[in-house]
Protein backbone atom coordinates (compact mmCIF):
# COMPACT_ATOMS: atom_id res chain seq x y z
CA TYR A 1 39.70 -46.90 -48.62
CA GLU A 2 36.26 -48.05 -47.38
CA SER A 3 37.78 -50.37 -45.07
CA TYR A 4 40.20 -47.83 -42.86
CA GLN A 5 37.37 -45.76 -43.20
CA ARG A 6 34.56 -47.98 -41.66
CA GLU A 7 37.77 -48.87 -39.04
CA ASN A 8 38.13 -45.44 -38.35
CA ASP A 9 34.91 -44.57 -38.00
CA GLU A 10 34.56 -47.31 -35.03
CA PHE A 11 37.94 -46.45 -33.73
CA LEU A 12 35.99 -42.91 -32.98
CA LYS A 13 33.00 -43.95 -31.78
CA THR A 14 34.88 -46.04 -29.39
CA ILE A 15 36.68 -42.90 -28.03
CA ASP A 16 33.54 -40.51 -27.79
CA ASP A 17 31.71 -43.32 -25.71
CA ASN A 18 34.01 -43.68 -23.71
CA MET A 19 34.99 -39.72 -23.19
CA LYS A 20 31.08 -39.33 -22.22
CA ARG A 21 31.14 -42.24 -19.54
CA LEU A 22 34.24 -40.87 -17.96
CA ILE A 23 32.07 -37.17 -18.57
CA LYS A 24 29.40 -38.98 -16.68
CA GLU A 25 30.88 -40.39 -13.29
CA HIS A 26 32.91 -37.34 -13.15
CA VAL A 27 30.02 -35.07 -13.02
CA LYS A 28 28.50 -37.89 -10.25
CA SER A 29 31.58 -37.53 -8.36
CA GLN A 30 31.10 -34.15 -8.52
CA VAL A 31 27.71 -33.60 -7.67
CA LYS A 32 27.43 -35.91 -4.79
CA ASP A 33 30.77 -33.64 -3.35
CA GLN A 34 28.86 -30.82 -3.61
CA VAL A 35 25.75 -32.34 -2.20
CA SER A 36 27.13 -33.99 0.95
CA ARG A 37 28.80 -30.20 1.34
CA ILE A 38 25.50 -28.72 0.98
CA LEU A 39 22.77 -30.51 2.84
CA PRO A 40 24.20 -29.81 6.60
CA ARG A 41 23.47 -26.01 5.32
CA ILE A 42 20.22 -26.83 4.36
CA GLU A 43 19.24 -28.88 7.46
CA GLN A 44 20.39 -26.48 10.01
CA SER A 45 18.08 -23.80 8.10
CA VAL A 46 15.44 -26.56 7.96
CA ASN A 47 15.90 -27.05 11.63
CA ALA A 48 16.25 -22.99 12.08
CA GLN A 49 13.06 -22.52 10.28
CA LEU A 50 10.84 -24.46 12.49
CA GLU A 51 12.43 -23.84 15.77
CA TYR A 52 11.16 -20.29 15.16
CA GLU A 53 7.75 -21.33 13.62
CA VAL A 54 7.41 -23.96 16.79
CA LEU A 55 8.46 -20.85 19.06
CA THR A 56 6.26 -18.50 17.26
CA ARG A 57 3.17 -21.11 17.65
CA ASP A 58 3.87 -21.27 20.98
CA ASP A 59 3.92 -17.32 21.72
CA ASP A 60 0.84 -16.67 19.84
CA ASP A 61 -0.82 -19.65 21.92
CA GLN A 62 0.40 -18.35 25.05
CA GLU A 63 -0.63 -14.84 24.18
CA GLY A 64 -4.35 -16.06 24.15
CA SER A 65 -4.35 -18.25 26.77
CA PHE A 66 -3.14 -14.37 28.92
CA ALA A 67 -6.43 -12.86 27.47
CA GLY A 68 -8.53 -14.01 29.16
CA SER A 69 -9.09 -17.80 28.04
CA ASP A 70 -10.12 -20.00 30.25
CA ARG A 71 -9.77 -22.98 27.81
CA GLY A 72 -7.00 -25.41 29.51
CA SER A 73 -6.77 -23.63 32.94
CA LYS A 74 -8.50 -26.77 34.25
CA ARG A 75 -6.04 -29.36 33.17
CA ARG A 76 -2.96 -26.77 33.97
CA ARG A 77 -4.83 -26.66 37.78
CA GLU A 78 -4.99 -30.63 37.80
CA GLY A 79 -1.03 -31.74 37.18
CA GLY A 80 -0.69 -30.51 33.93
CA GLU A 81 0.28 -31.65 30.85
CA PRO A 82 -1.06 -35.32 29.61
CA GLU A 83 2.25 -37.86 29.64
CA SER A 84 1.69 -38.26 26.32
CA ALA A 85 2.27 -35.06 24.58
CA SER A 86 4.86 -34.10 23.18
CA THR A 87 7.19 -30.84 24.09
CA PRO A 88 7.84 -28.09 21.75
CA SER A 89 11.27 -29.11 21.14
CA GLU A 90 10.33 -32.40 20.99
CA LEU A 91 7.90 -31.27 18.33
CA ALA A 92 10.56 -29.60 16.60
CA THR A 93 13.07 -32.05 16.24
CA ARG A 94 10.86 -34.38 14.60
CA SER A 95 9.00 -32.00 12.58
CA ALA A 96 12.74 -31.49 11.64
CA SER A 97 13.62 -34.55 10.46
CA ARG A 98 10.12 -35.51 8.70
CA SER A 99 11.47 -32.36 6.62
CA THR A 100 15.13 -33.23 6.41
CA THR A 101 14.32 -36.74 4.85
CA ARG A 102 11.56 -34.96 2.60
CA THR A 103 14.56 -32.49 1.47
CA GLN A 104 17.34 -35.63 1.13
CA SER A 105 14.58 -37.55 -0.05
CA ARG A 106 14.46 -35.09 -2.91
CA GLN A 107 17.58 -34.20 -3.45
CA MET A 108 18.73 -37.40 -4.10
CA SER A 109 16.28 -37.94 -6.95
CA ALA A 110 17.51 -34.76 -8.73
CA SER A 111 20.54 -36.19 -8.81
CA GLU A 112 19.33 -39.52 -9.76
CA SER A 113 17.10 -38.32 -12.87
CA ALA A 114 20.08 -35.85 -14.03
CA PHE A 115 22.68 -39.07 -13.96
CA ALA A 116 20.30 -41.12 -15.97
CA GLU A 117 20.46 -38.74 -18.87
């Protein structure tokens, strides 16, 4: 009787282990699928927010120069910005790219730690 019980327990443990493995793989697959659908929306939102911040910052800078400030006017009269200066859209693109990369890294870390459990 004991050998049958032991054999039955081992069989149940094997089934339990296989079910856990299958469920874990299925959840991992679903999370990957959902992250790949959500990530473009997050990226779009971050880009829009950064663009808004850059445009708002540019508006604030322009208001300051129109209010009688003399800063930078000599450079503007002498031929504009130096060639190495970035345009606001270039800054927004670079900043958005860095932010998106950080967001992706955080999401991947969160996903990987969830799968490790």
